[in-house]
Amino acid sequence: MALNWYPGHMHKASKEVVKTLLKTQAVIEVLDARTPQASSNPHFAALCANHPRIRILNKADLAEPHVTEQWAKYFNAQPKSICLVNGHESQLDAEQIIQAARKLFLANDLKIGERQQLLIGGIPNVGKSTLLNIFCARKLAKTGNEPAVTQVQQRVRLDDHWHLIDTPGLMWPKLEDQESAYRLAATGTIRRTAVEAEDIAWFLAQELLKHYRDRLVSRYDLPEDAEDAESVMTAVAKARACIKVGHRVDWHKASESLLNEFRSGKLGRFSLERPPLARPDNANPM
């Protein structure tokens, strides 16, 4: 099944971003540390191409630390770019954002004026609203487990000289790379009503089987000789009692169980992508 999700409010929000950028000195892009490449909106990147960028690898507590370090190094090597890492174990604050912005300005010979405006953006459900609440030390933005909670811009004050414009989570009109689209769906970026849980879970099961077999064996008692996604989903169904009358597997219930345990971190830390310089040519990006 081809995945695409671009609600109407995102088109309007994208136009608002264009207007806001005219008065914005730098951009903060929030990425999912598990999928930094898939969670980077190419349309947003194109709009902000001329602006210095602070990239935040968010939800780092759900990703493998050494892979997150590789991504941070990769993004720090990009022009006009600074990368920061955020997770429950080490949360960023407003002062760290301001310091990163100052460092970025100085490194690129940009003048720091009396009033500076930053714009923060990212795809839905990447944790942007939660970050904003942390920066301001109070609840300013609605948060939730479903994507597209924020649908309008808001302006907040970081200190007397720096202000931040929060934007709605933005997707792009067509998801050309369907493998990346499925990764986004697995992490909860695409609203549940727009995808089939079974399709996403079977994709995730195959990916985990290739790269994290030991986790599946440990948590679901997966047979050592399992070779396909059906074997994984059958093991999940047995372990979580997702069985219908007549000993038939409830594939939907098993799919929801696998996705929920993956997204919540109960399965452990996973990095579904690695930076280009951290893998050999022609290797799988996971």
Protein backbone atom coordinates (compact mmCIF):
# COMPACT_ATOMS: atom_id res chain seq x y z
CA MET A 1 0.00 0.00 0.00
CA ALA A 2 1.43 3.39 -1.03
CA LEU A 3 1.56 5.82 1.91
CA ASN A 4 0.75 9.52 1.67
CA TRP A 5 -0.63 11.95 4.25
CA TYR A 6 -1.00 15.67 3.66
CA PRO A 7 -4.01 17.21 5.46
CA GLY A 8 -5.35 20.52 4.17
CA HIS A 9 -4.14 22.59 7.13
CA MET A 10 -0.53 21.71 6.23
CA HIS A 11 -0.77 23.50 2.89
CA LYS A 12 -1.92 26.65 4.66
CA ALA A 13 0.77 26.23 7.35
CA SER A 14 3.45 25.91 4.67
CA LYS A 15 2.42 29.29 3.22
CA GLU A 16 2.63 30.83 6.68
CA VAL A 17 6.16 29.49 7.08
CA VAL A 18 7.23 31.28 3.90
CA LYS A 19 5.97 34.60 5.30
CA THR A 20 7.52 34.04 8.72
CA LEU A 21 10.93 33.21 7.26
CA LEU A 22 11.20 36.75 5.90
CA LYS A 23 11.58 37.97 9.49
CA THR A 24 13.47 34.96 10.82
CA GLN A 25 17.24 34.82 11.34
CA ALA A 26 17.70 31.07 11.92
CA VAL A 27 15.69 27.85 11.86
CA ILE A 28 15.42 24.95 14.29
CA GLU A 29 14.55 21.63 12.65
CA VAL A 30 13.42 18.86 15.02
CA LEU A 31 14.20 15.34 13.81
CA ASP A 32 13.42 11.90 15.21
CA ALA A 33 16.73 10.42 16.38
CA ARG A 34 15.56 6.97 15.22
CA THR A 35 14.97 8.18 11.65
CA PRO A 36 16.84 11.47 11.06
CA GLN A 37 16.80 11.17 7.29
CA ALA A 38 13.18 10.07 6.87
CA SER A 39 11.98 12.67 9.39
CA SER A 40 13.65 15.57 7.57
CA ASN A 41 11.01 17.28 5.44
CA PRO A 42 12.59 18.07 2.02
CA HIS A 43 10.02 20.82 1.39
CA PHE A 44 10.80 22.49 4.72
CA ALA A 45 14.54 22.16 4.01
CA ALA A 46 14.08 23.86 0.63
CA LEU A 47 12.14 26.74 2.18
CA CYS A 48 14.86 27.25 4.79
CA ALA A 49 17.84 26.63 2.51
CA ASN A 50 19.34 30.11 3.05
CA HIS A 51 18.89 30.15 6.83
CA PRO A 52 21.39 28.84 9.40
CA ARG A 53 19.93 25.70 10.94
CA ILE A 54 19.96 24.10 14.37
CA ARG A 55 19.02 20.44 14.04
CA ILE A 56 17.72 18.71 17.15
CA LEU A 57 17.84 14.92 17.28
CA ASN A 58 14.81 14.40 19.50
CA LYS A 59 13.61 11.25 21.29
CA ALA A 60 17.26 10.24 21.64
CA ASP A 61 16.35 7.97 24.55
CA LEU A 62 14.58 5.71 22.00
CA ALA A 63 17.57 5.52 19.62
CA GLU A 64 20.94 3.80 19.90
CA PRO A 65 23.38 6.31 21.48
CA HIS A 66 26.36 5.51 19.24
CA VAL A 67 24.27 5.91 16.09
CA THR A 68 22.86 9.20 17.36
CA GLU A 69 26.43 10.39 17.91
CA GLN A 70 27.21 9.49 14.29
CA TRP A 71 24.23 11.52 13.08
CA ALA A 72 25.22 14.51 15.23
CA LYS A 73 28.71 14.43 13.76
CA TYR A 74 27.26 14.18 10.25
CA PHE A 75 24.93 17.17 10.70
CA ASN A 76 27.59 19.26 12.45
CA ALA A 77 29.72 18.87 9.32
CA GLN A 78 26.99 20.42 7.12
CA PRO A 79 27.24 24.12 6.12
CA LYS A 80 25.53 26.61 8.48
CA SER A 81 24.50 23.77 10.78
CA ILE A 82 24.70 22.85 14.45
CA CYS A 83 23.25 19.63 15.83
CA LEU A 84 21.93 19.13 19.37
CA VAL A 85 20.56 15.99 21.02
CA ASN A 86 17.49 15.81 23.25
CA GLY A 87 15.95 12.98 25.27
CA HIS A 88 14.47 12.28 28.67
CA GLU A 89 17.94 11.52 30.02
CA SER A 90 19.37 14.87 28.93
CA GLN A 91 16.86 17.60 28.12
CA LEU A 92 17.76 20.80 26.31
CA ASP A 93 16.74 24.19 27.69
CA ALA A 94 16.22 27.66 26.25
CA GLU A 95 19.74 28.81 27.16
CA GLN A 96 21.32 25.96 25.21
CA ILE A 97 19.26 26.90 22.16
CA ILE A 98 20.31 30.54 22.44
CA GLN A 99 23.97 29.56 22.87
CA ALA A 100 23.78 27.32 19.80
CA ALA A 101 22.18 30.14 17.79
CA ARG A 102 24.89 32.59 18.85
CA LYS A 103 27.61 30.10 17.95
CA LEU A 104 25.98 29.50 14.57
CA PHE A 105 25.78 33.23 13.87
CA LEU A 106 29.41 33.86 14.83
CA ALA A 107 30.67 30.92 12.76
CA ASN A 108 28.91 32.31 9.69
CA ASP A 109 29.79 36.00 10.24
CA LEU A 110 26.15 36.91 10.85
CA LYS A 111 25.25 39.97 12.88
CA ILE A 112 23.43 39.43 16.17
CA GLY A 113 20.92 42.23 16.58
CA GLU A 114 18.87 43.50 19.50
CA ARG A 115 15.94 41.24 18.58
CA GLN A 116 16.34 37.81 17.03
CA GLN A 117 13.61 35.48 15.82
CA LEU A 118 13.98 31.73 15.43
CA LEU A 119 11.50 29.42 13.73
CA ILE A 120 11.06 25.85 14.95
CA GLY A 121 9.67 23.23 12.59
CA GLY A 122 9.48 19.50 12.00
CA ILE A 123 7.22 16.72 10.86
CA PRO A 124 4.16 15.73 12.95
CA ASN A 125 4.64 13.79 16.19
CA VAL A 126 8.39 14.40 16.30
CA GLY A 127 8.06 15.92 19.78
CA LYS A 128 8.29 19.58 18.81
CA SER A 129 5.50 20.77 21.12
CA THR A 130 6.98 18.91 24.08
CA LEU A 131 10.33 20.56 23.37
CA LEU A 132 8.70 23.98 23.27
CA ASN A 133 7.12 23.39 26.68
CA ILE A 134 10.54 22.39 28.06
CA PHE A 135 12.22 25.50 26.61
CA CYS A 136 9.64 27.76 28.24
CA ALA A 137 9.40 25.76 31.49
CA ARG A 138 5.60 25.74 31.25
CA LYS A 139 2.87 24.24 29.09
CA LEU A 140 2.38 26.47 26.06
CA ALA A 141 1.73 23.90 23.35
CA LYS A 142 -0.68 20.96 23.27
CA THR A 143 0.97 17.56 23.16
CA GLY A 144 -0.35 14.11 22.31
CA ASN A 145 0.43 10.67 20.96
CA GLU A 146 -1.33 11.42 17.67
CA PRO A 147 0.32 13.60 14.99
CA ALA A 148 -0.92 17.04 13.87
CA VAL A 149 -1.91 18.31 17.33
CA THR A 150 -0.46 21.78 16.62
CA GLN A 151 -2.23 23.46 13.68
CA VAL A 152 -1.42 27.19 14.06
CA GLN A 153 1.72 29.24 14.66
CA GLN A 154 2.49 30.81 18.00
CA ARG A 155 5.24 33.16 19.18
CA VAL A 156 7.03 32.63 22.48
CA ARG A 157 9.82 34.47 24.27
CA LEU A 158 13.04 32.66 25.13
CA ASP A 159 14.61 35.74 26.75
CA ASP A 160 14.66 39.51 26.27
CA HIS A 161 16.43 39.24 22.91
CA TRP A 162 15.41 35.89 21.41
CA HIS A 163 11.92 34.84 20.32
CA LEU A 164 10.72 31.56 18.87
CA ILE A 165 7.95 30.93 16.34
CA ASP A 166 6.36 27.49 16.72
CA THR A 167 4.92 26.03 13.51
CA PRO A 168 2.51 23.12 12.92
CA GLY A 169 4.05 19.78 12.02
CA LEU A 170 4.52 19.67 8.26
CA MET A 171 4.61 16.78 5.83
CA TRP A 172 5.21 17.15 2.12
CA PRO A 173 2.63 16.56 -0.64
CA LYS A 174 4.02 13.27 -1.98
CA LEU A 175 6.13 10.68 -0.18
CA GLU A 176 8.34 9.50 -3.02
CA ASP A 177 10.52 7.20 -0.90
CA GLN A 178 8.04 4.62 0.35
CA GLU A 179 10.58 2.81 2.53
CA SER A 180 11.12 6.06 4.43
CA ALA A 181 7.35 6.57 4.52
CA TYR A 182 6.91 3.19 6.21
CA ARG A 183 9.59 4.11 8.74
CA LEU A 184 7.70 7.31 9.51
CA ALA A 185 4.49 5.33 9.93
CA ALA A 186 6.26 2.88 12.25
CA THR A 187 7.39 5.71 14.52
CA GLY A 188 3.88 7.23 14.60
CA THR A 189 4.31 10.22 12.29
CA ILE A 190 1.38 9.40 10.02
CA ARG A 191 -2.06 9.45 11.63
CA ARG A 192 -3.43 5.97 12.31
CA THR A 193 -6.56 6.57 10.24
CA ALA A 194 -4.37 7.03 7.14
CA VAL A 195 -2.49 3.72 7.40
CA GLU A 196 -3.18 0.03 7.97
CA ALA A 197 -1.59 -1.20 11.20
CA GLU A 198 -0.95 -4.64 9.70
CA ASP A 199 1.01 -3.22 6.76
CA ILE A 200 3.22 -1.08 9.01
CA ALA A 201 3.76 -3.82 11.59
CA TRP A 202 4.79 -6.39 9.00
CA PHE A 203 7.26 -3.92 7.50
CA LEU A 204 8.66 -3.19 10.98
CA ALA A 205 8.82 -6.90 11.82
CA GLN A 206 10.93 -7.56 8.73
CA GLU A 207 13.27 -4.66 9.53
CA LEU A 208 13.72 -5.75 13.13
CA LEU A 209 14.28 -9.34 12.08
CA LYS A 210 17.15 -8.25 9.82
CA HIS A 211 18.89 -6.01 12.33
CA TYR A 212 17.61 -6.75 15.86
CA ARG A 213 16.77 -10.46 15.87
CA ASP A 214 18.12 -10.92 19.41
CA ARG A 215 15.56 -8.43 20.79
CA LEU A 216 12.70 -10.34 19.19
CA VAL A 217 13.99 -13.68 20.46
CA SER A 218 14.30 -12.30 23.98
CA ARG A 219 10.96 -10.48 24.18
CA TYR A 220 8.65 -12.69 22.12
CA ASP A 221 10.40 -16.06 22.27
CA LEU A 222 10.93 -15.89 18.52
CA PRO A 223 12.29 -19.19 17.14
CA GLU A 224 15.99 -18.96 16.26
CA ASP A 225 15.30 -20.17 12.72
CA ALA A 226 12.58 -17.58 11.98
CA GLU A 227 13.11 -16.08 8.54
CA ASP A 228 10.13 -13.87 7.73
CA ALA A 229 7.75 -11.24 9.08
CA GLU A 230 4.93 -13.77 9.49
CA SER A 231 7.07 -15.74 11.95
CA VAL A 232 7.70 -12.56 13.94
CA MET A 233 4.03 -11.57 14.00
CA THR A 234 3.01 -15.10 15.01
CA ALA A 235 5.48 -14.97 17.90
CA VAL A 236 4.11 -11.56 18.96
CA ALA A 237 0.55 -12.91 18.80
CA LYS A 238 1.39 -15.89 21.00
CA ALA A 239 3.36 -13.80 23.50
CA ARG A 240 0.60 -11.17 23.81
CA ALA A 241 -2.39 -13.55 23.63
CA CYS A 242 -3.59 -12.10 20.33
CA ILE A 243 -5.47 -15.29 19.46
CA LYS A 244 -9.05 -15.58 18.27
CA VAL A 245 -11.50 -18.44 18.77
CA GLY A 246 -10.30 -21.51 16.92
CA HIS A 247 -6.64 -20.71 17.63
CA ARG A 248 -6.54 -18.17 14.82
CA VAL A 249 -4.09 -15.28 15.04
CA ASP A 250 -5.60 -11.81 15.50
CA TRP A 251 -3.23 -10.05 13.11
CA HIS A 252 -4.60 -6.57 13.82
CA LYS A 253 -4.25 -6.91 17.58
CA ALA A 254 -0.75 -8.39 17.21
CA SER A 255 0.21 -5.53 14.88
CA GLU A 256 -0.99 -2.89 17.31
CA SER A 257 0.93 -4.61 20.11
CA LEU A 258 4.23 -4.65 18.19
CA LEU A 259 3.86 -1.01 17.10
CA ASN A 260 2.94 0.18 20.59
CA GLU A 261 5.88 -1.60 22.20
CA PHE A 262 8.25 -0.26 19.57
CA ARG A 263 7.03 3.33 19.84
CA SER A 264 7.00 3.37 23.64
CA GLY A 265 10.55 2.05 23.97
CA LYS A 266 9.50 -1.20 25.65
CA LEU A 267 11.39 -3.10 22.94
CA GLY A 268 14.55 -1.11 23.64
CA ARG A 269 16.47 1.46 21.63
CA PHE A 270 16.40 1.28 17.84
CA SER A 271 18.05 3.32 15.10
CA LEU A 272 16.31 2.65 11.80
CA GLU A 273 18.77 4.75 9.77
CA ARG A 274 22.46 5.51 9.79
CA PRO A 275 24.22 8.53 8.24
CA PRO A 276 25.78 8.09 4.76
CA LEU A 277 29.37 8.22 6.05
CA ALA A 278 28.70 5.64 8.74
CA ARG A 279 27.88 2.74 6.43
CA PRO A 280 29.58 1.07 3.46
CA ASP A 281 28.45 1.83 -0.09
CA ASN A 282 25.24 0.07 -1.15
CA ALA A 283 24.47 -0.92 2.44
CA ASN A 284 20.93 -0.88 3.79
CA PRO A 285 20.26 2.59 5.33
CA MET A 286 18.92 1.00 8.50
